C-alpha atoms as a PDB file:
ATOM      1  CA  MET A   1     116.806  87.028 133.977  1.00  0.00           C
ATOM      2  CA  LYS A   2     113.527  88.935 133.251  1.00  0.00           C
ATOM      3  CA  ARG A   3     110.181  87.284 132.655  1.00  0.00           C
ATOM      4  CA  ILE A   4     107.731  88.176 129.925  1.00  0.00           C
ATOM      5  CA  HIS A   5     104.086  87.203 130.109  1.00  0.00           C
ATOM      6  CA  PHE A   6     101.589  87.573 127.265  1.00  0.00           C
ATOM      7  CA  ARG A   7      98.467  86.012 125.906  1.00  0.00           C
ATOM      8  CA  ILE A   8      98.020  84.365 122.517  1.00  0.00           C
ATOM      9  CA  TYR A   9      95.137  82.855 120.670  1.00  0.00           C
ATOM     10  CA  ASP A  10      94.537  79.117 120.941  1.00  0.00           C
ATOM     11  CA  GLU A  11      95.254  78.524 117.224  1.00  0.00           C
ATOM     12  CA  LEU A  12      98.625  80.226 117.471  1.00  0.00           C
ATOM     13  CA  PHE A  13      99.360  78.306 120.680  1.00  0.00           C
ATOM     14  CA  GLU A  14      98.751  75.031 118.841  1.00  0.00           C
ATOM     15  CA  GLN A  15     100.985  76.067 115.916  1.00  0.00           C
ATOM     16  CA  ILE A  16     103.740  77.107 118.309  1.00  0.00           C
ATOM     17  CA  ASN A  17     103.603  73.760 120.139  1.00  0.00           C
ATOM     18  CA  LYS A  18     103.729  71.899 116.837  1.00  0.00           C
ATOM     19  CA  SER A  19     106.811  73.865 115.845  1.00  0.00           C
ATOM     20  CA  ILE A  20     108.438  73.300 119.234  1.00  0.00           C
ATOM     21  CA  ASN A  21     107.968  69.560 118.845  1.00  0.00           C
ATOM     22  CA  ARG A  22     108.986  69.537 115.166  1.00  0.00           C
ATOM     23  CA  TRP A  23     112.209  71.496 115.654  1.00  0.00           C
ATOM     24  CA  GLY A  24     113.142  69.960 119.020  1.00  0.00           C
ATOM     25  CA  PHE A  25     112.997  72.901 121.363  1.00  0.00           C
ATOM     26  CA  ASN A  26     113.058  71.895 125.038  1.00  0.00           C
ATOM     27  CA  SER A  27     110.441  74.447 126.114  1.00  0.00           C
ATOM     28  CA  GLN A  28     108.325  77.405 125.012  1.00  0.00           C
ATOM     29  CA  ALA A  29     110.781  79.705 126.712  1.00  0.00           C
ATOM     30  CA  GLU A  30     113.652  78.339 124.620  1.00  0.00           C
ATOM     31  CA  PHE A  31     111.507  78.724 121.477  1.00  0.00           C
ATOM     32  CA  PHE A  32     110.674  82.368 122.186  1.00  0.00           C
ATOM     33  CA  ARG A  33     114.287  83.253 123.195  1.00  0.00           C
ATOM     34  CA  TYR A  34     115.501  81.750 119.932  1.00  0.00           C
ATOM     35  CA  LEU A  35     112.906  83.718 117.884  1.00  0.00           C
ATOM     36  CA  ALA A  36     113.730  86.963 119.713  1.00  0.00           C
ATOM     37  CA  MET A  37     117.466  86.517 119.046  1.00  0.00           C
ATOM     38  CA  GLU A  38     116.850  85.646 115.364  1.00  0.00           C
ATOM     39  CA  PHE A  39     114.593  88.682 114.927  1.00  0.00           C
ATOM     40  CA  ILE A  40     117.149  91.015 116.465  1.00  0.00           C
ATOM     41  CA  ARG A  41     119.928  89.438 114.398  1.00  0.00           C
ATOM     42  CA  ASN A  42     117.933  89.835 111.164  1.00  0.00           C
ATOM     43  CA  GLU A  43     116.209  93.126 111.954  1.00  0.00           C
ATOM     44  CA  LYS A  44     118.449  95.101 109.586  1.00  0.00           C
ATOM     45  CA  LYS A  45     117.435  92.855 106.703  1.00  0.00           C
ATOM     46  CA  LEU A  46     113.749  93.610 107.166  1.00  0.00           C
ATOM     47  CA  LEU A  47     112.331  96.279 104.839  1.00  0.00           C
ATOM     48  CA  THR A  48     109.574  98.736 105.574  1.00  0.00           C
ATOM     49  CA  SER A  49     106.609  98.851 103.219  1.00  0.00           C
ATOM     50  CA  ASP A  50     108.029 102.058 101.751  1.00  0.00           C
ATOM     51  CA  ASP A  51     111.313 100.361 101.003  1.00  0.00           C
ATOM     52  CA  VAL A  52     109.517  97.473  99.380  1.00  0.00           C
ATOM     53  CA  LEU A  53     107.502  99.853  97.218  1.00  0.00           C
ATOM     54  CA  LYS A  54     110.644 101.713  96.183  1.00  0.00           C
ATOM     55  CA  ASP A  55     112.312  98.407  95.238  1.00  0.00           C
ATOM     56  CA  HIS A  56     109.305  97.354  93.153  1.00  0.00           C
ATOM     57  CA  THR A  57     109.176 100.765  91.444  1.00  0.00           C
ATOM     58  CA  LYS A  58     112.866 100.504  90.525  1.00  0.00           C
ATOM     59  CA  ALA A  59     112.312  97.033  89.073  1.00  0.00           C
ATOM     60  CA  ILE A  60     109.290  98.140  87.041  1.00  0.00           C
ATOM     61  CA  ASN A  61     111.176 101.173  85.705  1.00  0.00           C
ATOM     62  CA  SER A  62     114.160  99.055  84.673  1.00  0.00           C
ATOM     63  CA  ILE A  63     111.842  96.681  82.844  1.00  0.00           C
ATOM     64  CA  LYS A  64     110.199  99.642  81.086  1.00  0.00           C
ATOM     65  CA  LYS A  65     113.634 100.997  80.046  1.00  0.00           C
ATOM     66  CA  SER A  66     114.688  97.638  78.617  1.00  0.00           C
ATOM     67  CA  GLN A  67     111.390  97.307  76.724  1.00  0.00           C
ATOM     68  CA  ARG A  68     111.770 100.799  75.155  1.00  0.00           C
ATOM     69  CA  LYS A  69     114.665  99.542  73.162  1.00  0.00           C
ATOM     70  CA  THR A  70     112.444  96.997  71.539  1.00  0.00           C
ATOM     71  CA  PHE A  71     109.040  98.748  71.513  1.00  0.00           C
ATOM     72  CA  LEU A  72     108.573 102.454  71.395  1.00  0.00           C
ATOM     73  CA  ASP A  73     105.702 103.365  73.699  1.00  0.00           C
ATOM     74  CA  PRO A  74     104.153 106.795  72.719  1.00  0.00           C
ATOM     75  CA  THR A  75     102.872 107.294  76.293  1.00  0.00           C
ATOM     76  CA  ASP A  76     106.440 107.396  77.621  1.00  0.00           C
ATOM     77  CA  GLN A  77     107.355 110.497  75.594  1.00  0.00           C
END
């Protein structure tokens, strides 16, 4: 097994320890292993900022199209 060492800010350390206690992890190592596995498992579900922008643009355009049926906007012509 490999070891990973890194530094974190005190505030984050406190939040991590609260979460470890709240969720019943046995150690910080177990907590970080779990988080790493969850991130890797869900990585495909994460969207880049460009993908998010594209999704928002599609949603806005679909709303505009549905509103055109009710209100004719002269700026859309």
